[in-house]
Amino acid sequence: MLDRLLPRADQEDLLRKIRTANGGVLTSLHGSSLSLIAALLQRDRPAQTLVVAPKLDDAEDLAQDLSTLLPETPVRLFPEFEILPYEKRSPYKGITGQQVEVLHHLLSGESCIVVTSAKGLKWKVQPAEEILDYTLRFAVGQEIDYETAEKRRV
């Protein structure tokens, strides 16, 4: 998809300019330029990449764009909590689950793009050891000790 949008020679020229600009830090990108640049960088050097958008709606659009531009690369949306930091209520469990899923993929070392909003970055997350300790792995045909699995679940 990228090659249909931008010829290879132009891609290489753009990547050279990015690497020499401000130590590789890019700011103030608008519209689909962020998606295009992130996709080019990821395809050039596959790694775990974090892309931060101003708001959650922007992050969701960006994740969709990147999934289209790089269909072979996993794109993970790290959602933000829908509560304020000083509120006494707990975050929605579904959002916490989505965050843990993204963190688990990062801990696996998988090359992927994680997209989040600026607000999504400000919350603390579970320590890596805790995520790994509470991960239960199951395989088709595997025999499972239900009591042991239930104890770990609680």
N, C-alpha and C. Protein backbone atom coordinates (compact mmCIF):
# COMPACT_ATOMS: atom_id res chain seq x y z
N MET A 1 0.82 -1.19 0.00
CA MET A 1 0.00 0.00 0.00
C MET A 1 0.87 1.26 0.00
N LEU A 2 1.95 1.25 0.78
CA LEU A 2 2.83 2.42 0.84
C LEU A 2 3.43 2.74 -0.52
N ASP A 3 3.81 1.69 -1.26
CA ASP A 3 4.44 1.91 -2.56
C ASP A 3 3.47 2.51 -3.56
N ARG A 4 2.19 2.27 -3.38
CA ARG A 4 1.20 2.87 -4.27
C ARG A 4 0.97 4.34 -3.94
N LEU A 5 1.21 4.72 -2.69
CA LEU A 5 1.02 6.11 -2.27
C LEU A 5 2.22 6.99 -2.57
N LEU A 6 3.41 6.39 -2.45
CA LEU A 6 4.64 7.17 -2.56
C LEU A 6 5.72 6.30 -3.20
N PRO A 7 6.32 6.75 -4.31
CA PRO A 7 7.36 5.95 -4.95
C PRO A 7 8.52 5.67 -3.99
N ARG A 8 9.19 4.54 -4.19
CA ARG A 8 10.29 4.11 -3.32
C ARG A 8 11.37 5.17 -3.16
N ALA A 9 11.73 5.81 -4.24
CA ALA A 9 12.80 6.83 -4.18
C ALA A 9 12.38 7.97 -3.25
N ASP A 10 11.13 8.38 -3.32
CA ASP A 10 10.63 9.43 -2.45
C ASP A 10 10.56 8.96 -0.99
N GLN A 11 10.25 7.68 -0.81
CA GLN A 11 10.24 7.12 0.55
C GLN A 11 11.63 7.19 1.16
N GLU A 12 12.63 6.77 0.41
CA GLU A 12 14.01 6.79 0.90
C GLU A 12 14.48 8.21 1.21
N ASP A 13 14.13 9.15 0.36
CA ASP A 13 14.48 10.55 0.57
C ASP A 13 13.82 11.08 1.84
N LEU A 14 12.57 10.77 2.03
CA LEU A 14 11.83 11.20 3.23
C LEU A 14 12.43 10.59 4.49
N LEU A 15 12.79 9.31 4.44
CA LEU A 15 13.41 8.65 5.60
C LEU A 15 14.75 9.30 5.95
N ARG A 16 15.54 9.66 4.96
CA ARG A 16 16.82 10.35 5.21
C ARG A 16 16.58 11.68 5.91
N LYS A 17 15.59 12.43 5.46
CA LYS A 17 15.29 13.73 6.07
C LYS A 17 14.79 13.57 7.50
N ILE A 18 14.00 12.55 7.75
CA ILE A 18 13.48 12.30 9.10
C ILE A 18 14.61 12.00 10.07
N ARG A 19 15.55 11.18 9.64
CA ARG A 19 16.65 10.77 10.53
C ARG A 19 17.56 11.93 10.90
N THR A 20 17.62 12.95 10.07
CA THR A 20 18.50 14.08 10.37
C THR A 20 17.76 15.24 11.02
N ALA A 21 16.45 15.18 11.12
CA ALA A 21 15.65 16.28 11.68
C ALA A 21 15.50 16.13 13.18
N ASN A 22 15.98 17.08 13.95
CA ASN A 22 15.78 17.14 15.41
C ASN A 22 16.09 15.84 16.12
N GLY A 23 17.13 15.16 15.73
CA GLY A 23 17.49 13.92 16.39
C GLY A 23 16.47 12.81 16.18
N GLY A 24 15.68 12.90 15.12
CA GLY A 24 14.69 11.87 14.83
C GLY A 24 13.35 12.09 15.49
N VAL A 25 13.19 13.20 16.20
CA VAL A 25 11.91 13.50 16.86
C VAL A 25 11.10 14.40 15.93
N LEU A 26 9.88 13.95 15.63
CA LEU A 26 9.01 14.72 14.75
C LEU A 26 7.82 15.24 15.53
N THR A 27 7.46 16.47 15.30
CA THR A 27 6.30 17.07 15.97
C THR A 27 5.46 17.81 14.94
N SER A 28 4.25 18.16 15.35
CA SER A 28 3.35 19.00 14.56
C SER A 28 2.99 18.41 13.20
N LEU A 29 2.85 17.09 13.14
CA LEU A 29 2.39 16.46 11.90
C LEU A 29 0.87 16.52 11.89
N HIS A 30 0.29 16.76 10.72
CA HIS A 30 -1.15 16.91 10.62
C HIS A 30 -1.74 15.92 9.62
N GLY A 31 -3.02 15.64 9.80
CA GLY A 31 -3.73 14.77 8.87
C GLY A 31 -3.11 13.39 8.81
N SER A 32 -3.04 12.86 7.60
CA SER A 32 -2.52 11.50 7.44
C SER A 32 -0.99 11.46 7.37
N SER A 33 -0.33 12.61 7.51
CA SER A 33 1.14 12.61 7.44
C SER A 33 1.74 11.79 8.57
N LEU A 34 1.13 11.82 9.76
CA LEU A 34 1.64 11.03 10.88
C LEU A 34 1.56 9.54 10.57
N SER A 35 0.43 9.11 10.01
CA SER A 35 0.27 7.70 9.64
C SER A 35 1.31 7.28 8.62
N LEU A 36 1.51 8.11 7.61
CA LEU A 36 2.46 7.79 6.55
C LEU A 36 3.88 7.70 7.09
N ILE A 37 4.29 8.67 7.90
CA ILE A 37 5.64 8.68 8.46
C ILE A 37 5.85 7.48 9.39
N ALA A 38 4.89 7.21 10.27
CA ALA A 38 5.01 6.07 11.19
C ALA A 38 5.10 4.76 10.42
N ALA A 39 4.31 4.63 9.37
CA ALA A 39 4.35 3.41 8.56
C ALA A 39 5.69 3.25 7.86
N LEU A 40 6.22 4.34 7.32
CA LEU A 40 7.53 4.28 6.65
C LEU A 40 8.63 3.88 7.63
N LEU A 41 8.62 4.50 8.81
CA LEU A 41 9.64 4.18 9.82
C LEU A 41 9.54 2.73 10.28
N GLN A 42 8.33 2.26 10.49
CA GLN A 42 8.14 0.88 10.95
C GLN A 42 8.59 -0.12 9.89
N ARG A 43 8.23 0.13 8.64
CA ARG A 43 8.62 -0.79 7.58
C ARG A 43 10.13 -0.77 7.36
N ASP A 44 10.76 0.40 7.52
CA ASP A 44 12.20 0.52 7.33
C ASP A 44 12.98 -0.21 8.42
N ARG A 45 12.53 -0.06 9.66
CA ARG A 45 13.19 -0.69 10.81
C ARG A 45 12.15 -1.26 11.76
N PRO A 46 11.67 -2.46 11.47
CA PRO A 46 10.62 -3.05 12.32
C PRO A 46 11.08 -3.16 13.77
N ALA A 47 10.27 -2.66 14.66
CA ALA A 47 10.57 -2.68 16.09
C ALA A 47 9.28 -2.38 16.85
N GLN A 48 9.38 -2.39 18.15
CA GLN A 48 8.26 -1.93 18.95
C GLN A 48 8.26 -0.41 18.89
N THR A 49 7.19 0.15 18.37
CA THR A 49 7.12 1.58 18.12
C THR A 49 5.92 2.17 18.83
N LEU A 50 6.12 3.30 19.50
CA LEU A 50 5.04 4.02 20.16
C LEU A 50 4.70 5.27 19.37
N VAL A 51 3.42 5.43 19.05
CA VAL A 51 2.94 6.62 18.35
C VAL A 51 1.89 7.27 19.24
N VAL A 52 2.08 8.55 19.53
CA VAL A 52 1.18 9.26 20.44
C VAL A 52 0.40 10.31 19.66
N ALA A 53 -0.91 10.25 19.80
CA ALA A 53 -1.80 11.22 19.17
C ALA A 53 -2.34 12.17 20.23
N PRO A 54 -2.81 13.34 19.84
CA PRO A 54 -3.30 14.30 20.83
C PRO A 54 -4.51 13.80 21.63
N LYS A 55 -5.47 13.18 20.94
CA LYS A 55 -6.70 12.73 21.60
C LYS A 55 -7.00 11.29 21.21
N LEU A 56 -7.91 10.66 21.97
CA LEU A 56 -8.26 9.26 21.73
C LEU A 56 -8.85 9.06 20.34
N ASP A 57 -9.71 9.96 19.88
CA ASP A 57 -10.28 9.84 18.53
C ASP A 57 -9.18 9.84 17.47
N ASP A 58 -8.19 10.70 17.66
CA ASP A 58 -7.06 10.75 16.73
C ASP A 58 -6.27 9.44 16.77
N ALA A 59 -6.08 8.90 17.97
CA ALA A 59 -5.34 7.65 18.13
C ALA A 59 -6.08 6.50 17.44
N GLU A 60 -7.40 6.45 17.59
CA GLU A 60 -8.18 5.41 16.94
C GLU A 60 -8.08 5.51 15.42
N ASP A 61 -8.19 6.73 14.89
CA ASP A 61 -8.06 6.93 13.43
C ASP A 61 -6.66 6.54 12.96
N LEU A 62 -5.67 6.92 13.73
CA LEU A 62 -4.28 6.61 13.39
C LEU A 62 -4.05 5.10 13.36
N ALA A 63 -4.58 4.40 14.35
CA ALA A 63 -4.44 2.94 14.39
C ALA A 63 -5.09 2.29 13.17
N GLN A 64 -6.24 2.79 12.76
CA GLN A 64 -6.90 2.25 11.56
C GLN A 64 -6.06 2.53 10.32
N ASP A 65 -5.54 3.75 10.20
CA ASP A 65 -4.69 4.09 9.06
C ASP A 65 -3.47 3.17 8.99
N LEU A 66 -2.81 2.98 10.13
CA LEU A 66 -1.61 2.15 10.16
C LEU A 66 -1.92 0.69 9.84
N SER A 67 -3.05 0.21 10.29
CA SER A 67 -3.46 -1.17 9.95
C SER A 67 -3.66 -1.33 8.45
N THR A 68 -4.16 -0.29 7.80
CA THR A 68 -4.37 -0.32 6.35
C THR A 68 -3.04 -0.21 5.61
N LEU A 69 -2.17 0.68 6.06
CA LEU A 69 -0.88 0.88 5.40
C LEU A 69 0.08 -0.28 5.61
N LEU A 70 -0.01 -0.93 6.76
CA LEU A 70 0.90 -2.03 7.11
C LEU A 70 0.09 -3.25 7.55
N PRO A 71 -0.60 -3.91 6.62
CA PRO A 71 -1.47 -5.03 7.01
C PRO A 71 -0.72 -6.20 7.65
N GLU A 72 0.59 -6.31 7.41
CA GLU A 72 1.37 -7.41 7.98
C GLU A 72 1.91 -7.09 9.37
N THR A 73 1.77 -5.86 9.83
CA THR A 73 2.30 -5.43 11.12
C THR A 73 1.18 -5.30 12.14
N PRO A 74 1.34 -5.94 13.32
CA PRO A 74 0.32 -5.76 14.35
C PRO A 74 0.29 -4.32 14.85
N VAL A 75 -0.90 -3.73 14.87
CA VAL A 75 -1.10 -2.38 15.38
C VAL A 75 -2.01 -2.50 16.60
N ARG A 76 -1.53 -2.05 17.74
CA ARG A 76 -2.27 -2.18 19.01
C ARG A 76 -2.68 -0.80 19.50
N LEU A 77 -3.95 -0.65 19.83
CA LEU A 77 -4.44 0.60 20.40
C LEU A 77 -4.42 0.47 21.92
N PHE A 78 -3.67 1.36 22.57
CA PHE A 78 -3.61 1.40 24.03
C PHE A 78 -4.61 2.45 24.48
N PRO A 79 -5.77 2.01 25.00
CA PRO A 79 -6.83 2.97 25.32
C PRO A 79 -6.52 3.77 26.59
N GLU A 80 -7.16 4.90 26.69
CA GLU A 80 -7.02 5.73 27.89
C GLU A 80 -8.17 5.43 28.84
N PHE A 81 -7.93 5.65 30.12
CA PHE A 81 -9.00 5.51 31.10
C PHE A 81 -10.00 6.64 30.91
N GLU A 82 -11.25 6.34 31.13
CA GLU A 82 -12.28 7.36 30.95
C GLU A 82 -12.71 7.97 32.28
N ILE A 83 -11.74 8.10 33.17
CA ILE A 83 -11.98 8.76 34.46
C ILE A 83 -10.86 9.75 34.70
N LEU A 84 -11.10 10.68 35.60
CA LEU A 84 -10.06 11.64 35.96
C LEU A 84 -9.17 11.05 37.04
N PRO A 85 -7.90 11.45 37.11
CA PRO A 85 -6.96 10.86 38.07
C PRO A 85 -7.40 10.95 39.53
N TYR A 86 -8.17 11.96 39.89
CA TYR A 86 -8.56 12.14 41.29
C TYR A 86 -9.91 11.52 41.63
N GLU A 87 -10.59 10.94 40.65
CA GLU A 87 -11.89 10.32 40.93
C GLU A 87 -11.68 9.03 41.71
N LYS A 88 -12.62 8.73 42.59
CA LYS A 88 -12.48 7.57 43.46
C LYS A 88 -12.99 6.28 42.82
N ARG A 89 -13.67 6.36 41.69
CA ARG A 89 -14.18 5.15 41.06
C ARG A 89 -13.08 4.44 40.28
N SER A 90 -13.26 3.15 40.11
CA SER A 90 -12.28 2.33 39.40
C SER A 90 -12.48 2.47 37.89
N PRO A 91 -11.41 2.29 37.13
CA PRO A 91 -11.55 2.33 35.67
C PRO A 91 -12.39 1.14 35.19
N TYR A 92 -13.00 1.28 34.04
CA TYR A 92 -13.78 0.22 33.43
C TYR A 92 -12.88 -0.99 33.17
N LYS A 93 -13.33 -2.18 33.58
CA LYS A 93 -12.50 -3.38 33.47
C LYS A 93 -12.13 -3.72 32.03
N GLY A 94 -13.02 -3.42 31.09
CA GLY A 94 -12.72 -3.71 29.69
C GLY A 94 -11.53 -2.93 29.19
N ILE A 95 -11.42 -1.67 29.61
CA ILE A 95 -10.29 -0.84 29.20
C ILE A 95 -9.01 -1.34 29.85
N THR A 96 -9.10 -1.70 31.13
CA THR A 96 -7.93 -2.26 31.81
C THR A 96 -7.47 -3.53 31.11
N GLY A 97 -8.43 -4.36 30.71
CA GLY A 97 -8.09 -5.60 30.00
C GLY A 97 -7.40 -5.33 28.67
N GLN A 98 -7.88 -4.32 27.94
CA GLN A 98 -7.25 -3.96 26.67
C GLN A 98 -5.83 -3.46 26.89
N GLN A 99 -5.63 -2.68 27.95
CA GLN A 99 -4.29 -2.19 28.24
C GLN A 99 -3.35 -3.34 28.58
N VAL A 100 -3.82 -4.28 29.40
CA VAL A 100 -2.99 -5.43 29.77
C VAL A 100 -2.66 -6.26 28.54
N GLU A 101 -3.61 -6.41 27.64
CA GLU A 101 -3.36 -7.16 26.41
C GLU A 101 -2.24 -6.51 25.59
N VAL A 102 -2.28 -5.18 25.46
CA VAL A 102 -1.21 -4.47 24.73
C VAL A 102 0.12 -4.63 25.45
N LEU A 103 0.12 -4.46 26.76
CA LEU A 103 1.36 -4.62 27.53
C LEU A 103 1.92 -6.03 27.40
N HIS A 104 1.04 -7.02 27.39
CA HIS A 104 1.47 -8.41 27.24
C HIS A 104 2.15 -8.62 25.89
N HIS A 105 1.60 -8.04 24.85
CA HIS A 105 2.23 -8.15 23.53
C HIS A 105 3.60 -7.48 23.52
N LEU A 106 3.71 -6.33 24.20
CA LEU A 106 5.01 -5.66 24.29
C LEU A 106 6.03 -6.53 25.03
N LEU A 107 5.59 -7.16 26.11
CA LEU A 107 6.50 -8.01 26.88
C LEU A 107 6.94 -9.24 26.10
N SER A 108 6.15 -9.66 25.13
CA SER A 108 6.52 -10.82 24.32
C SER A 108 7.66 -10.49 23.36
N GLY A 109 7.95 -9.18 23.18
CA GLY A 109 9.01 -8.77 22.28
C GLY A 109 8.57 -8.64 20.83
N GLU A 110 7.29 -8.85 20.59
CA GLU A 110 6.76 -8.80 19.23
C GLU A 110 6.95 -7.41 18.62
N SER A 111 7.37 -7.38 17.37
CA SER A 111 7.48 -6.12 16.65
C SER A 111 6.07 -5.64 16.35
N CYS A 112 5.74 -4.44 16.82
CA CYS A 112 4.39 -3.93 16.64
C CYS A 112 4.39 -2.41 16.78
N ILE A 113 3.27 -1.82 16.45
CA ILE A 113 3.07 -0.39 16.67
C ILE A 113 2.00 -0.24 17.73
N VAL A 114 2.29 0.51 18.77
CA VAL A 114 1.32 0.82 19.81
C VAL A 114 0.92 2.28 19.63
N VAL A 115 -0.38 2.49 19.52
CA VAL A 115 -0.90 3.84 19.33
C VAL A 115 -1.72 4.21 20.56
N THR A 116 -1.49 5.39 21.08
CA THR A 116 -2.25 5.86 22.23
C THR A 116 -2.41 7.38 22.14
N SER A 117 -3.16 7.91 23.08
CA SER A 117 -3.33 9.36 23.17
C SER A 117 -2.39 9.89 24.24
N ALA A 118 -2.23 11.20 24.26
CA ALA A 118 -1.40 11.82 25.31
C ALA A 118 -1.97 11.49 26.69
N LYS A 119 -3.28 11.49 26.81
CA LYS A 119 -3.93 11.16 28.08
C LYS A 119 -3.68 9.69 28.46
N GLY A 120 -3.58 8.83 27.47
CA GLY A 120 -3.32 7.41 27.72
C GLY A 120 -1.95 7.15 28.32
N LEU A 121 -1.02 8.10 28.14
CA LEU A 121 0.34 7.93 28.66
C LEU A 121 0.48 8.31 30.13
N LYS A 122 -0.45 9.07 30.67
CA LYS A 122 -0.22 9.65 31.99
C LYS A 122 -0.54 8.73 33.16
N TRP A 123 -1.16 7.60 32.91
CA TRP A 123 -1.52 6.68 33.98
C TRP A 123 -0.42 5.64 34.19
N LYS A 124 -0.25 5.24 35.43
CA LYS A 124 0.67 4.14 35.72
C LYS A 124 0.03 2.83 35.24
N VAL A 125 0.88 1.88 34.88
CA VAL A 125 0.40 0.56 34.46
C VAL A 125 0.97 -0.50 35.40
N GLN A 126 0.45 -1.70 35.28
CA GLN A 126 0.92 -2.79 36.11
C GLN A 126 2.38 -3.08 35.79
N PRO A 127 3.15 -3.45 36.83
CA PRO A 127 4.56 -3.83 36.58
C PRO A 127 4.64 -5.06 35.68
N ALA A 128 5.70 -5.14 34.90
CA ALA A 128 5.87 -6.26 33.96
C ALA A 128 5.82 -7.61 34.66
N GLU A 129 6.44 -7.70 35.83
CA GLU A 129 6.47 -8.97 36.55
C GLU A 129 5.04 -9.42 36.92
N GLU A 130 4.22 -8.47 37.30
CA GLU A 130 2.85 -8.80 37.68
C GLU A 130 2.05 -9.30 36.48
N ILE A 131 2.23 -8.68 35.35
CA ILE A 131 1.52 -9.12 34.14
C ILE A 131 1.95 -10.54 33.78
N LEU A 132 3.24 -10.80 33.83
CA LEU A 132 3.74 -12.13 33.49
C LEU A 132 3.32 -13.17 34.52
N ASP A 133 3.34 -12.81 35.81
CA ASP A 133 2.97 -13.75 36.87
C ASP A 133 1.51 -14.18 36.78
N TYR A 134 0.65 -13.27 36.34
CA TYR A 134 -0.78 -13.57 36.32
C TYR A 134 -1.28 -13.99 34.94
N THR A 135 -0.36 -14.27 34.03
CA THR A 135 -0.76 -14.73 32.70
C THR A 135 -0.90 -16.24 32.72
N LEU A 136 -2.07 -16.71 32.29
CA LEU A 136 -2.33 -18.13 32.15
C LEU A 136 -2.32 -18.47 30.67
N ARG A 137 -1.55 -19.47 30.28
CA ARG A 137 -1.50 -19.87 28.87
C ARG A 137 -2.19 -21.22 28.72
N PHE A 138 -3.02 -21.30 27.70
CA PHE A 138 -3.73 -22.53 27.41
C PHE A 138 -3.50 -22.89 25.95
N ALA A 139 -3.48 -24.18 25.66
CA ALA A 139 -3.33 -24.66 24.29
C ALA A 139 -4.41 -25.70 24.02
N VAL A 140 -4.80 -25.79 22.78
CA VAL A 140 -5.80 -26.77 22.38
C VAL A 140 -5.28 -28.17 22.71
N GLY A 141 -6.09 -28.96 23.37
CA GLY A 141 -5.73 -30.32 23.73
C GLY A 141 -4.95 -30.44 25.04
N GLN A 142 -4.58 -29.33 25.64
CA GLN A 142 -3.82 -29.34 26.89
C GLN A 142 -4.75 -29.69 28.05
N GLU A 143 -4.26 -30.54 28.94
CA GLU A 143 -5.02 -30.84 30.15
C GLU A 143 -4.74 -29.75 31.18
N ILE A 144 -5.80 -29.31 31.83
CA ILE A 144 -5.69 -28.18 32.75
C ILE A 144 -6.16 -28.62 34.14
N ASP A 145 -5.34 -28.31 35.13
CA ASP A 145 -5.75 -28.52 36.52
C ASP A 145 -6.63 -27.34 36.90
N TYR A 146 -7.93 -27.56 36.92
CA TYR A 146 -8.90 -26.49 37.13
C TYR A 146 -8.67 -25.77 38.45
N GLU A 147 -8.38 -26.51 39.52
CA GLU A 147 -8.21 -25.88 40.84
C GLU A 147 -7.00 -24.95 40.86
N THR A 148 -5.90 -25.38 40.26
CA THR A 148 -4.71 -24.53 40.22
C THR A 148 -4.97 -23.28 39.37
N ALA A 149 -5.63 -23.46 38.24
CA ALA A 149 -5.94 -22.32 37.38
C ALA A 149 -6.88 -21.35 38.10
N GLU A 150 -7.83 -21.87 38.83
CA GLU A 150 -8.79 -21.02 39.56
C GLU A 150 -8.10 -20.24 40.66
N LYS A 151 -7.14 -20.86 41.36
CA LYS A 151 -6.40 -20.16 42.41
C LYS A 151 -5.57 -19.02 41.84
N ARG A 152 -4.96 -19.24 40.69
CA ARG A 152 -4.16 -18.18 40.06
C ARG A 152 -5.02 -17.06 39.52
N ARG A 153 -6.26 -17.40 39.14
CA ARG A 153 -7.17 -16.39 38.58
C ARG A 153 -7.62 -15.38 39.64
N VAL A 154 -7.73 -15.80 40.86
CA VAL A 154 -8.25 -14.94 41.92
C VAL A 154 -7.22 -14.08 42.52
